[in-house]
Amino acid sequence: EEEDRFSGSTATRNPRQSPFAGGRRSYPKAQSSKTPKGTKGGSSKSASPASIPDFLKPGKVVRHRTFGLGEVMNAEGSEPALKITVNFTIAGKKTVVQKFAKLEPA
C-alpha cells in the first residue's frame, strides 16, 4: 500500500510494478510567453542615438573594472537592458549589459 503524496489517497500496487505505472498526472498547462499578434514586444535591435549616453556611442573609449579599456562597437536595446558591444584592448570583443557592467568614460 502506498500513499499518494499529492492527493493523500492510498493505492495498492504490485511491488514489481514501476512507481510510474499509474499513469500521468494532470498538471496545469504553462502560460505562453509569446506576444499576441499585432503587438510589438521586446526592444529595438539598435538603440536610438538619443536614448544612450554620449560616452557609450560607437567609437568612444570606455573603461570596465575587470576588462580595462575598450572601444564601443555597437549599442542595442534601451535601458534597463542596454547592451553594449566593446572591443577591449586585452579581453577582446565582449557584449555587456550596461546596468551590470557599469562602463565609464575613459
PDB file of N, CA and C in Angstrom:
ATOM      1  N   GLU A   1       0.851  -1.170   0.000  1.00  0.00           N
ATOM      2  CA  GLU A   1       0.000   0.000   0.000  1.00  0.00           C
ATOM      3  C   GLU A   1       0.897   1.233   0.000  1.00  0.00           C
ATOM      4  N   GLU A   2       0.538   2.219  -0.806  1.00  0.00           N
ATOM      5  CA  GLU A   2       1.367   3.411  -0.930  1.00  0.00           C
ATOM      6  C   GLU A   2       0.479   4.642  -0.931  1.00  0.00           C
ATOM      7  N   GLU A   3       0.895   5.673  -0.200  1.00  0.00           N
ATOM      8  CA  GLU A   3       0.104   6.893  -0.145  1.00  0.00           C
ATOM      9  C   GLU A   3       0.540   7.837  -1.252  1.00  0.00           C
ATOM     10  N   ASP A   4      -0.431   8.391  -1.939  1.00  0.00           N
ATOM     11  CA  ASP A   4      -0.155   9.384  -2.986  1.00  0.00           C
ATOM     12  C   ASP A   4       0.139  10.705  -2.291  1.00  0.00           C
ATOM     13  N   ARG A   5       1.314  11.252  -2.481  1.00  0.00           N
ATOM     14  CA  ARG A   5       1.727  12.485  -1.797  1.00  0.00           C
ATOM     15  C   ARG A   5       0.893  13.693  -2.191  1.00  0.00           C
ATOM     16  N   PHE A   6       0.327  13.672  -3.378  1.00  0.00           N
ATOM     17  CA  PHE A   6      -0.400  14.841  -3.865  1.00  0.00           C
ATOM     18  C   PHE A   6      -1.860  14.843  -3.420  1.00  0.00           C
ATOM     19  N   SER A   7      -2.521  13.695  -3.470  1.00  0.00           N
ATOM     20  CA  SER A   7      -3.943  13.673  -3.144  1.00  0.00           C
ATOM     21  C   SER A   7      -4.220  13.112  -1.758  1.00  0.00           C
ATOM     22  N   GLY A   8      -3.253  12.420  -1.157  1.00  0.00           N
ATOM     23  CA  GLY A   8      -3.457  11.845   0.163  1.00  0.00           C
ATOM     24  C   GLY A   8      -4.151  10.499   0.122  1.00  0.00           C
ATOM     25  N   SER A   9      -4.551  10.032  -1.062  1.00  0.00           N
ATOM     26  CA  SER A   9      -5.216   8.735  -1.171  1.00  0.00           C
ATOM     27  C   SER A   9      -4.174   7.622  -1.172  1.00  0.00           C
ATOM     28  N   THR A  10      -4.637   6.415  -0.824  1.00  0.00           N
ATOM     29  CA  THR A  10      -3.731   5.276  -0.835  1.00  0.00           C
ATOM     30  C   THR A  10      -4.123   4.322  -1.945  1.00  0.00           C
ATOM     31  N   ALA A  11      -3.163   3.610  -2.469  1.00  0.00           N
ATOM     32  CA  ALA A  11      -3.409   2.644  -3.534  1.00  0.00           C
ATOM     33  C   ALA A  11      -2.494   1.457  -3.327  1.00  0.00           C
ATOM     34  N   THR A  12      -2.981   0.285  -3.694  1.00  0.00           N
ATOM     35  CA  THR A  12      -2.172  -0.918  -3.609  1.00  0.00           C
ATOM     36  C   THR A  12      -1.591  -1.176  -4.985  1.00  0.00           C
ATOM     37  N   ARG A  13      -0.305  -1.472  -5.045  1.00  0.00           N
ATOM     38  CA  ARG A  13       0.315  -1.762  -6.331  1.00  0.00           C
ATOM     39  C   ARG A  13       1.228  -2.966  -6.175  1.00  0.00           C
ATOM     40  N   ASN A  14       1.500  -3.581  -7.274  1.00  0.00           N
ATOM     41  CA  ASN A  14       2.387  -4.726  -7.325  1.00  0.00           C
ATOM     42  C   ASN A  14       3.801  -4.238  -7.014  1.00  0.00           C
ATOM     43  N   PRO A  15       4.547  -4.866  -6.105  1.00  0.00           N
ATOM     44  CA  PRO A  15       5.902  -4.391  -5.778  1.00  0.00           C
ATOM     45  C   PRO A  15       6.855  -4.417  -6.968  1.00  0.00           C
ATOM     46  N   ARG A  16       6.574  -5.245  -7.971  1.00  0.00           N
ATOM     47  CA  ARG A  16       7.426  -5.291  -9.154  1.00  0.00           C
ATOM     48  C   ARG A  16       7.029  -4.244 -10.182  1.00  0.00           C
ATOM     49  N   GLN A  17       5.914  -3.634  -9.972  1.00  0.00           N
ATOM     50  CA  GLN A  17       5.415  -2.637 -10.919  1.00  0.00           C
ATOM     51  C   GLN A  17       6.148  -1.313 -10.692  1.00  0.00           C
ATOM     52  N   SER A  18       6.407  -0.629 -11.765  1.00  0.00           N
ATOM     53  CA  SER A  18       7.078   0.663 -11.687  1.00  0.00           C
ATOM     54  C   SER A  18       6.218   1.658 -10.920  1.00  0.00           C
ATOM     55  N   PRO A  19       6.832   2.527 -10.121  1.00  0.00           N
ATOM     56  CA  PRO A  19       6.050   3.552  -9.425  1.00  0.00           C
ATOM     57  C   PRO A  19       5.416   4.537 -10.405  1.00  0.00           C
ATOM     58  N   PHE A  20       5.844   4.518 -11.649  1.00  0.00           N
ATOM     59  CA  PHE A  20       5.313   5.434 -12.651  1.00  0.00           C
ATOM     60  C   PHE A  20       4.199   4.796 -13.473  1.00  0.00           C
ATOM     61  N   ALA A  21       3.839   3.539 -13.166  1.00  0.00           N
ATOM     62  CA  ALA A  21       2.870   2.803 -13.969  1.00  0.00           C
ATOM     63  C   ALA A  21       1.446   3.305 -13.783  1.00  0.00           C
ATOM     64  N   GLY A  22       1.202   4.100 -12.782  1.00  0.00           N
ATOM     65  CA  GLY A  22      -0.148   4.583 -12.523  1.00  0.00           C
ATOM     66  C   GLY A  22      -0.646   5.571 -13.551  1.00  0.00           C
ATOM     67  N   GLY A  23       0.181   5.976 -14.458  1.00  0.00           N
ATOM     68  CA  GLY A  23      -0.234   6.928 -15.481  1.00  0.00           C
ATOM     69  C   GLY A  23       0.249   8.328 -15.174  1.00  0.00           C
ATOM     70  N   ARG A  24       0.002   9.198 -16.104  1.00  0.00           N
ATOM     71  CA  ARG A  24       0.448  10.584 -15.954  1.00  0.00           C
ATOM     72  C   ARG A  24      -0.531  11.362 -15.105  1.00  0.00           C
ATOM     73  N   ARG A  25       0.001  12.211 -14.295  1.00  0.00           N
ATOM     74  CA  ARG A  25      -0.847  13.124 -13.538  1.00  0.00           C
ATOM     75  C   ARG A  25      -1.129  14.331 -14.406  1.00  0.00           C
ATOM     76  N   SER A  26      -2.221  14.949 -14.150  1.00  0.00           N
ATOM     77  CA  SER A  26      -2.551  16.123 -14.953  1.00  0.00           C
ATOM     78  C   SER A  26      -2.096  17.367 -14.202  1.00  0.00           C
ATOM     79  N   TYR A  27      -1.333  18.198 -14.868  1.00  0.00           N
ATOM     80  CA  TYR A  27      -0.833  19.442 -14.305  1.00  0.00           C
ATOM     81  C   TYR A  27      -1.366  20.594 -15.138  1.00  0.00           C
ATOM     82  N   PRO A  28      -1.530  21.769 -14.546  1.00  0.00           N
ATOM     83  CA  PRO A  28      -2.000  22.910 -15.349  1.00  0.00           C
ATOM     84  C   PRO A  28      -0.997  23.241 -16.442  1.00  0.00           C
ATOM     85  N   LYS A  29      -1.513  23.642 -17.585  1.00  0.00           N
ATOM     86  CA  LYS A  29      -0.635  23.996 -18.702  1.00  0.00           C
ATOM     87  C   LYS A  29       0.039  25.327 -18.418  1.00  0.00           C
ATOM     88  N   ALA A  30       1.282  25.424 -18.861  1.00  0.00           N
ATOM     89  CA  ALA A  30       2.046  26.663 -18.678  1.00  0.00           C
ATOM     90  C   ALA A  30       1.489  27.746 -19.586  1.00  0.00           C
ATOM     91  N   GLN A  31       1.549  28.959 -19.117  1.00  0.00           N
ATOM     92  CA  GLN A  31       1.108  30.094 -19.917  1.00  0.00           C
ATOM     93  C   GLN A  31       2.129  30.365 -21.004  1.00  0.00           C
ATOM     94  N   SER A  32       1.664  30.739 -22.164  1.00  0.00           N
ATOM     95  CA  SER A  32       2.554  31.062 -23.271  1.00  0.00           C
ATOM     96  C   SER A  32       3.179  32.426 -23.034  1.00  0.00           C
ATOM     97  N   SER A  33       4.466  32.542 -23.359  1.00  0.00           N
ATOM     98  CA  SER A  33       5.144  33.825 -23.197  1.00  0.00           C
ATOM     99  C   SER A  33       5.206  34.589 -24.509  1.00  0.00           C
ATOM    100  N   LYS A  34       4.525  34.071 -25.531  1.00  0.00           N
ATOM    101  CA  LYS A  34       4.557  34.737 -26.828  1.00  0.00           C
ATOM    102  C   LYS A  34       3.740  36.017 -26.782  1.00  0.00           C
ATOM    103  N   THR A  35       4.177  37.004 -27.525  1.00  0.00           N
ATOM    104  CA  THR A  35       3.461  38.261 -27.628  1.00  0.00           C
ATOM    105  C   THR A  35       2.273  38.071 -28.559  1.00  0.00           C
ATOM    106  N   PRO A  36       1.080  38.538 -28.175  1.00  0.00           N
ATOM    107  CA  PRO A  36      -0.070  38.398 -29.062  1.00  0.00           C
ATOM    108  C   PRO A  36       0.184  39.067 -30.402  1.00  0.00           C
ATOM    109  N   LYS A  37      -0.416  38.499 -31.455  1.00  0.00           N
ATOM    110  CA  LYS A  37      -0.222  39.059 -32.790  1.00  0.00           C
ATOM    111  C   LYS A  37      -0.754  40.481 -32.835  1.00  0.00           C
ATOM    112  N   GLY A  38      -0.067  41.303 -33.606  1.00  0.00           N
ATOM    113  CA  GLY A  38      -0.493  42.686 -33.762  1.00  0.00           C
ATOM    114  C   GLY A  38       0.131  43.637 -32.757  1.00  0.00           C
ATOM    115  N   THR A  39       0.895  43.106 -31.795  1.00  0.00           N
ATOM    116  CA  THR A  39       1.560  43.980 -30.831  1.00  0.00           C
ATOM    117  C   THR A  39       3.058  43.808 -30.968  1.00  0.00           C
ATOM    118  N   LYS A  40       3.765  44.826 -30.616  1.00  0.00           N
ATOM    119  CA  LYS A  40       5.223  44.753 -30.678  1.00  0.00           C
ATOM    120  C   LYS A  40       5.744  44.414 -29.296  1.00  0.00           C
ATOM    121  N   GLY A  41       6.695  43.501 -29.245  1.00  0.00           N
ATOM    122  CA  GLY A  41       7.273  43.123 -27.965  1.00  0.00           C
ATOM    123  C   GLY A  41       8.775  43.304 -28.006  1.00  0.00           C
ATOM    124  N   GLY A  42       9.383  43.375 -26.826  1.00  0.00           N
ATOM    125  CA  GLY A  42      10.842  43.480 -26.772  1.00  0.00           C
ATOM    126  C   GLY A  42      11.334  44.872 -27.100  1.00  0.00           C
ATOM    127  N   SER A  43      12.636  44.965 -27.296  1.00  0.00           N
ATOM    128  CA  SER A  43      13.240  46.254 -27.603  1.00  0.00           C
ATOM    129  C   SER A  43      13.760  46.244 -29.030  1.00  0.00           C
ATOM    130  N   SER A  44      14.028  47.426 -29.529  1.00  0.00           N
ATOM    131  CA  SER A  44      14.522  47.525 -30.897  1.00  0.00           C
ATOM    132  C   SER A  44      15.939  46.972 -30.969  1.00  0.00           C
ATOM    133  N   LYS A  45      16.370  46.566 -32.156  1.00  0.00           N
ATOM    134  CA  LYS A  45      17.699  45.984 -32.326  1.00  0.00           C
ATOM    135  C   LYS A  45      18.800  46.980 -32.015  1.00  0.00           C
ATOM    136  N   SER A  46      18.690  48.191 -32.526  1.00  0.00           N
ATOM    137  CA  SER A  46      19.716  49.180 -32.223  1.00  0.00           C
ATOM    138  C   SER A  46      19.065  50.356 -31.514  1.00  0.00           C
ATOM    139  N   ALA A  47      19.737  50.838 -30.507  1.00  0.00           N
ATOM    140  CA  ALA A  47      19.195  51.927 -29.710  1.00  0.00           C
ATOM    141  C   ALA A  47      19.192  53.219 -30.510  1.00  0.00           C
ATOM    142  N   SER A  48      18.188  54.049 -30.232  1.00  0.00           N
ATOM    143  CA  SER A  48      18.176  55.344 -30.906  1.00  0.00           C
ATOM    144  C   SER A  48      19.272  56.197 -30.286  1.00  0.00           C
ATOM    145  N   PRO A  49      19.944  57.023 -31.086  1.00  0.00           N
ATOM    146  CA  PRO A  49      21.077  57.808 -30.581  1.00  0.00           C
ATOM    147  C   PRO A  49      20.745  58.654 -29.358  1.00  0.00           C
ATOM    148  N   ALA A  50      19.502  59.125 -29.236  1.00  0.00           N
ATOM    149  CA  ALA A  50      19.140  59.982 -28.113  1.00  0.00           C
ATOM    150  C   ALA A  50      18.970  59.194 -26.818  1.00  0.00           C
ATOM    151  N   SER A  51      18.756  57.871 -26.906  1.00  0.00           N
ATOM    152  CA  SER A  51      18.476  57.091 -25.706  1.00  0.00           C
ATOM    153  C   SER A  51      19.722  56.541 -25.010  1.00  0.00           C
ATOM    154  N   ILE A  52      20.891  56.709 -25.592  1.00  0.00           N
ATOM    155  CA  ILE A  52      22.109  56.216 -24.945  1.00  0.00           C
ATOM    156  C   ILE A  52      23.027  57.387 -24.613  1.00  0.00           C
ATOM    157  N   PRO A  53      23.754  57.276 -23.502  1.00  0.00           N
ATOM    158  CA  PRO A  53      24.688  58.343 -23.143  1.00  0.00           C
ATOM    159  C   PRO A  53      25.754  58.516 -24.224  1.00  0.00           C
ATOM    160  N   ASP A  54      26.256  59.715 -24.370  1.00  0.00           N
ATOM    161  CA  ASP A  54      27.242  60.034 -25.404  1.00  0.00           C
ATOM    162  C   ASP A  54      28.482  59.148 -25.309  1.00  0.00           C
ATOM    163  N   PHE A  55      28.938  58.837 -24.076  1.00  0.00           N
ATOM    164  CA  PHE A  55      30.177  58.061 -23.937  1.00  0.00           C
ATOM    165  C   PHE A  55      30.000  56.589 -24.323  1.00  0.00           C
ATOM    166  N   LEU A  56      28.753  56.136 -24.576  1.00  0.00           N
ATOM    167  CA  LEU A  56      28.508  54.750 -24.980  1.00  0.00           C
ATOM    168  C   LEU A  56      28.218  54.613 -26.471  1.00  0.00           C
ATOM    169  N   LYS A  57      28.421  55.675 -27.218  1.00  0.00           N
ATOM    170  CA  LYS A  57      28.181  55.627 -28.661  1.00  0.00           C
ATOM    171  C   LYS A  57      29.385  55.002 -29.366  1.00  0.00           C
ATOM    172  N   PRO A  58      29.139  54.323 -30.500  1.00  0.00           N
ATOM    173  CA  PRO A  58      30.242  53.688 -31.236  1.00  0.00           C
ATOM    174  C   PRO A  58      31.408  54.637 -31.497  1.00  0.00           C
ATOM    175  N   GLY A  59      32.614  54.115 -31.288  1.00  0.00           N
ATOM    176  CA  GLY A  59      33.831  54.898 -31.490  1.00  0.00           C
ATOM    177  C   GLY A  59      34.395  55.478 -30.208  1.00  0.00           C
ATOM    178  N   LYS A  60      33.575  55.573 -29.156  1.00  0.00           N
ATOM    179  CA  LYS A  60      34.040  56.126 -27.878  1.00  0.00           C
ATOM    180  C   LYS A  60      34.835  55.073 -27.108  1.00  0.00           C
ATOM    181  N   VAL A  61      35.777  55.532 -26.279  1.00  0.00           N
ATOM    182  CA  VAL A  61      36.589  54.632 -25.453  1.00  0.00           C
ATOM    183  C   VAL A  61      36.005  54.627 -24.042  1.00  0.00           C
ATOM    184  N   VAL A  62      35.818  53.405 -23.508  1.00  0.00           N
ATOM    185  CA  VAL A  62      35.243  53.247 -22.173  1.00  0.00           C
ATOM    186  C   VAL A  62      36.164  52.396 -21.308  1.00  0.00           C
ATOM    187  N   ARG A  63      35.869  52.406 -19.998  1.00  0.00           N
ATOM    188  CA  ARG A  63      36.648  51.617 -19.039  1.00  0.00           C
ATOM    189  C   ARG A  63      35.696  50.678 -18.293  1.00  0.00           C
ATOM    190  N   HIS A  64      36.132  49.413 -18.155  1.00  0.00           N
ATOM    191  CA  HIS A  64      35.401  48.410 -17.375  1.00  0.00           C
ATOM    192  C   HIS A  64      36.315  47.997 -16.232  1.00  0.00           C
ATOM    193  N   ARG A  65      35.768  47.787 -15.046  1.00  0.00           N
ATOM    194  CA  ARG A  65      36.608  47.500 -13.874  1.00  0.00           C
ATOM    195  C   ARG A  65      37.411  46.213 -13.991  1.00  0.00           C
ATOM    196  N   THR A  66      36.946  45.252 -14.801  1.00  0.00           N
ATOM    197  CA  THR A  66      37.687  43.995 -14.976  1.00  0.00           C
ATOM    198  C   THR A  66      38.397  43.922 -16.318  1.00  0.00           C
ATOM    199  N   PHE A  67      37.702  44.307 -17.406  1.00  0.00           N
ATOM    200  CA  PHE A  67      38.243  44.157 -18.757  1.00  0.00           C
ATOM    201  C   PHE A  67      39.139  45.308 -19.192  1.00  0.00           C
ATOM    202  N   GLY A  68      39.152  46.413 -18.454  1.00  0.00           N
ATOM    203  CA  GLY A  68      40.009  47.547 -18.789  1.00  0.00           C
ATOM    204  C   GLY A  68      39.417  48.447 -19.856  1.00  0.00           C
ATOM    205  N   LEU A  69      40.297  49.021 -20.700  1.00  0.00           N
ATOM    206  CA  LEU A  69      39.878  49.963 -21.736  1.00  0.00           C
ATOM    207  C   LEU A  69      39.413  49.235 -22.985  1.00  0.00           C
ATOM    208  N   GLY A  70      38.434  49.856 -23.657  1.00  0.00           N
ATOM    209  CA  GLY A  70      37.952  49.282 -24.902  1.00  0.00           C
ATOM    210  C   GLY A  70      37.170  50.301 -25.706  1.00  0.00           C
ATOM    211  N   GLU A  71      37.013  50.021 -26.998  1.00  0.00           N
ATOM    212  CA  GLU A  71      36.274  50.909 -27.898  1.00  0.00           C
ATOM    213  C   GLU A  71      34.867  50.363 -28.103  1.00  0.00           C
ATOM    214  N   VAL A  72      33.868  51.233 -27.947  1.00  0.00           N
ATOM    215  CA  VAL A  72      32.473  50.846 -28.162  1.00  0.00           C
ATOM    216  C   VAL A  72      32.267  50.564 -29.644  1.00  0.00           C
ATOM    217  N   MET A  73      31.729  49.374 -29.946  1.00  0.00           N
ATOM    218  CA  MET A  73      31.468  48.975 -31.326  1.00  0.00           C
ATOM    219  C   MET A  73      29.997  49.150 -31.695  1.00  0.00           C
ATOM    220  N   ASN A  74      29.080  48.864 -30.726  1.00  0.00           N
ATOM    221  CA  ASN A  74      27.652  48.885 -31.011  1.00  0.00           C
ATOM    222  C   ASN A  74      26.862  49.025 -29.715  1.00  0.00           C
ATOM    223  N   ALA A  75      25.641  49.553 -29.825  1.00  0.00           N
ATOM    224  CA  ALA A  75      24.716  49.638 -28.698  1.00  0.00           C
ATOM    225  C   ALA A  75      23.362  49.134 -29.177  1.00  0.00           C
ATOM    226  N   GLU A  76      22.751  48.222 -28.407  1.00  0.00           N
ATOM    227  CA  GLU A  76      21.459  47.638 -28.768  1.00  0.00           C
ATOM    228  C   GLU A  76      20.487  47.743 -27.613  1.00  0.00           C
ATOM    229  N   GLY A  77      19.216  47.949 -27.940  1.00  0.00           N
ATOM    230  CA  GLY A  77      18.169  47.967 -26.935  1.00  0.00           C
ATOM    231  C   GLY A  77      18.058  49.310 -26.258  1.00  0.00           C
ATOM    232  N   SER A  78      17.471  49.295 -25.071  1.00  0.00           N
ATOM    233  CA  SER A  78      17.292  50.512 -24.295  1.00  0.00           C
ATOM    234  C   SER A  78      17.358  50.149 -22.816  1.00  0.00           C
ATOM    235  N   GLU A  79      17.499  51.168 -21.975  1.00  0.00           N
ATOM    236  CA  GLU A  79      17.572  50.926 -20.535  1.00  0.00           C
ATOM    237  C   GLU A  79      16.291  50.251 -20.092  1.00  0.00           C
ATOM    238  N   PRO A  80      16.327  49.318 -19.181  1.00  0.00           N
ATOM    239  CA  PRO A  80      17.467  48.916 -18.376  1.00  0.00           C
ATOM    240  C   PRO A  80      18.296  47.796 -19.012  1.00  0.00           C
ATOM    241  N   ALA A  81      17.930  47.363 -20.221  1.00  0.00           N
ATOM    242  CA  ALA A  81      18.642  46.242 -20.849  1.00  0.00           C
ATOM    243  C   ALA A  81      19.515  46.704 -22.010  1.00  0.00           C
ATOM    244  N   LEU A  82      20.146  47.849 -21.874  1.00  0.00           N
ATOM    245  CA  LEU A  82      21.007  48.389 -22.921  1.00  0.00           C
ATOM    246  C   LEU A  82      22.259  47.524 -23.036  1.00  0.00           C
ATOM    247  N   LYS A  83      22.445  46.902 -24.210  1.00  0.00           N
ATOM    248  CA  LYS A  83      23.602  46.028 -24.447  1.00  0.00           C
ATOM    249  C   LYS A  83      24.644  46.785 -25.252  1.00  0.00           C
ATOM    250  N   ILE A  84      25.871  46.769 -24.768  1.00  0.00           N
ATOM    251  CA  ILE A  84      26.969  47.478 -25.408  1.00  0.00           C
ATOM    252  C   ILE A  84      28.014  46.452 -25.844  1.00  0.00           C
ATOM    253  N   THR A  85      28.398  46.498 -27.124  1.00  0.00           N
ATOM    254  CA  THR A  85      29.474  45.638 -27.621  1.00  0.00           C
ATOM    255  C   THR A  85      30.743  46.472 -27.620  1.00  0.00           C
ATOM    256  N   VAL A  86      31.756  45.966 -26.917  1.00  0.00           N
ATOM    257  CA  VAL A  86      33.012  46.696 -26.745  1.00  0.00           C
ATOM    258  C   VAL A  86      34.170  45.795 -27.166  1.00  0.00           C
ATOM    259  N   ASN A  87      35.129  46.373 -27.891  1.00  0.00           N
ATOM    260  CA  ASN A  87      36.353  45.650 -28.233  1.00  0.00           C
ATOM    261  C   ASN A  87      37.421  46.100 -27.243  1.00  0.00           C
ATOM    262  N   PHE A  88      37.619  45.279 -26.192  1.00  0.00           N
ATOM    263  CA  PHE A  88      38.575  45.623 -25.147  1.00  0.00           C
ATOM    264  C   PHE A  88      39.993  45.323 -25.617  1.00  0.00           C
ATOM    265  N   THR A  89      40.940  46.154 -25.186  1.00  0.00           N
ATOM    266  CA  THR A  89      42.335  46.028 -25.590  1.00  0.00           C
ATOM    267  C   THR A  89      42.903  44.656 -25.253  1.00  0.00           C
ATOM    268  N   ILE A  90      42.671  44.182 -24.042  1.00  0.00           N
ATOM    269  CA  ILE A  90      43.233  42.904 -23.604  1.00  0.00           C
ATOM    270  C   ILE A  90      42.209  41.769 -23.684  1.00  0.00           C
ATOM    271  N   ALA A  91      40.979  42.005 -23.256  1.00  0.00           N
ATOM    272  CA  ALA A  91      39.967  40.948 -23.159  1.00  0.00           C
ATOM    273  C   ALA A  91      39.278  40.628 -24.481  1.00  0.00           C
ATOM    274  N   GLY A  92      39.430  41.487 -25.485  1.00  0.00           N
ATOM    275  CA  GLY A  92      38.792  41.235 -26.777  1.00  0.00           C
ATOM    276  C   GLY A  92      37.354  41.728 -26.830  1.00  0.00           C
ATOM    277  N   LYS A  93      36.627  41.259 -27.832  1.00  0.00           N
ATOM    278  CA  LYS A  93      35.260  41.727 -28.077  1.00  0.00           C
ATOM    279  C   LYS A  93      34.284  41.062 -27.112  1.00  0.00           C
ATOM    280  N   LYS A  94      33.498  41.889 -26.422  1.00  0.00           N
ATOM    281  CA  LYS A  94      32.506  41.393 -25.470  1.00  0.00           C
ATOM    282  C   LYS A  94      31.253  42.246 -25.567  1.00  0.00           C
ATOM    283  N   THR A  95      30.094  41.599 -25.350  1.00  0.00           N
ATOM    284  CA  THR A  95      28.832  42.325 -25.266  1.00  0.00           C
ATOM    285  C   THR A  95      28.399  42.283 -23.813  1.00  0.00           C
ATOM    286  N   VAL A  96      28.157  43.451 -23.236  1.00  0.00           N
ATOM    287  CA  VAL A  96      27.803  43.557 -21.824  1.00  0.00           C
ATOM    288  C   VAL A  96      26.510  44.348 -21.676  1.00  0.00           C
ATOM    289  N   VAL A  97      25.810  44.126 -20.567  1.00  0.00           N
ATOM    290  CA  VAL A  97      24.619  44.902 -20.238  1.00  0.00           C
ATOM    291  C   VAL A  97      25.084  46.048 -19.351  1.00  0.00           C
ATOM    292  N   GLN A  98      24.844  47.263 -19.789  1.00  0.00           N
ATOM    293  CA  GLN A  98      25.352  48.442 -19.088  1.00  0.00           C
ATOM    294  C   GLN A  98      24.894  48.492 -17.634  1.00  0.00           C
ATOM    295  N   LYS A  99      23.684  48.044 -17.359  1.00  0.00           N
ATOM    296  CA  LYS A  99      23.152  48.059 -15.995  1.00  0.00           C
ATOM    297  C   LYS A  99      24.076  47.304 -15.034  1.00  0.00           C
ATOM    298  N   PHE A 100      24.695  46.220 -15.518  1.00  0.00           N
ATOM    299  CA  PHE A 100      25.570  45.410 -14.672  1.00  0.00           C
ATOM    300  C   PHE A 100      27.044  45.739 -14.869  1.00  0.00           C
ATOM    301  N   ALA A 101      27.449  46.042 -16.093  1.00  0.00           N
ATOM    302  CA  ALA A 101      28.862  46.290 -16.403  1.00  0.00           C
ATOM    303  C   ALA A 101      29.341  47.626 -15.867  1.00  0.00           C
ATOM    304  N   LYS A 102      28.450  48.600 -15.829  1.00  0.00           N
ATOM    305  CA  LYS A 102      28.779  49.940 -15.331  1.00  0.00           C
ATOM    306  C   LYS A 102      30.010  50.512 -16.031  1.00  0.00           C
ATOM    307  N   LEU A 103      29.958  50.511 -17.370  1.00  0.00           N
ATOM    308  CA  LEU A 103      31.045  51.111 -18.149  1.00  0.00           C
ATOM    309  C   LEU A 103      31.136  52.595 -17.825  1.00  0.00           C
ATOM    310  N   GLU A 104      32.349  53.110 -17.830  1.00  0.00           N
ATOM    311  CA  GLU A 104      32.593  54.529 -17.543  1.00  0.00           C
ATOM    312  C   GLU A 104      33.380  55.138 -18.685  1.00  0.00           C
ATOM    313  N   PRO A 105      33.258  56.453 -18.879  1.00  0.00           N
ATOM    314  CA  PRO A 105      34.089  57.099 -19.905  1.00  0.00           C
ATOM    315  C   PRO A 105      35.556  56.971 -19.523  1.00  0.00           C
ATOM    316  N   ALA A 106      36.423  56.777 -20.501  1.00  0.00           N
ATOM    317  CA  ALA A 106      37.858  56.628 -20.231  1.00  0.00           C
ATOM    318  C   ALA A 106      38.521  57.982 -20.116  1.00  0.00           C
TER     319      ALA A 106
END
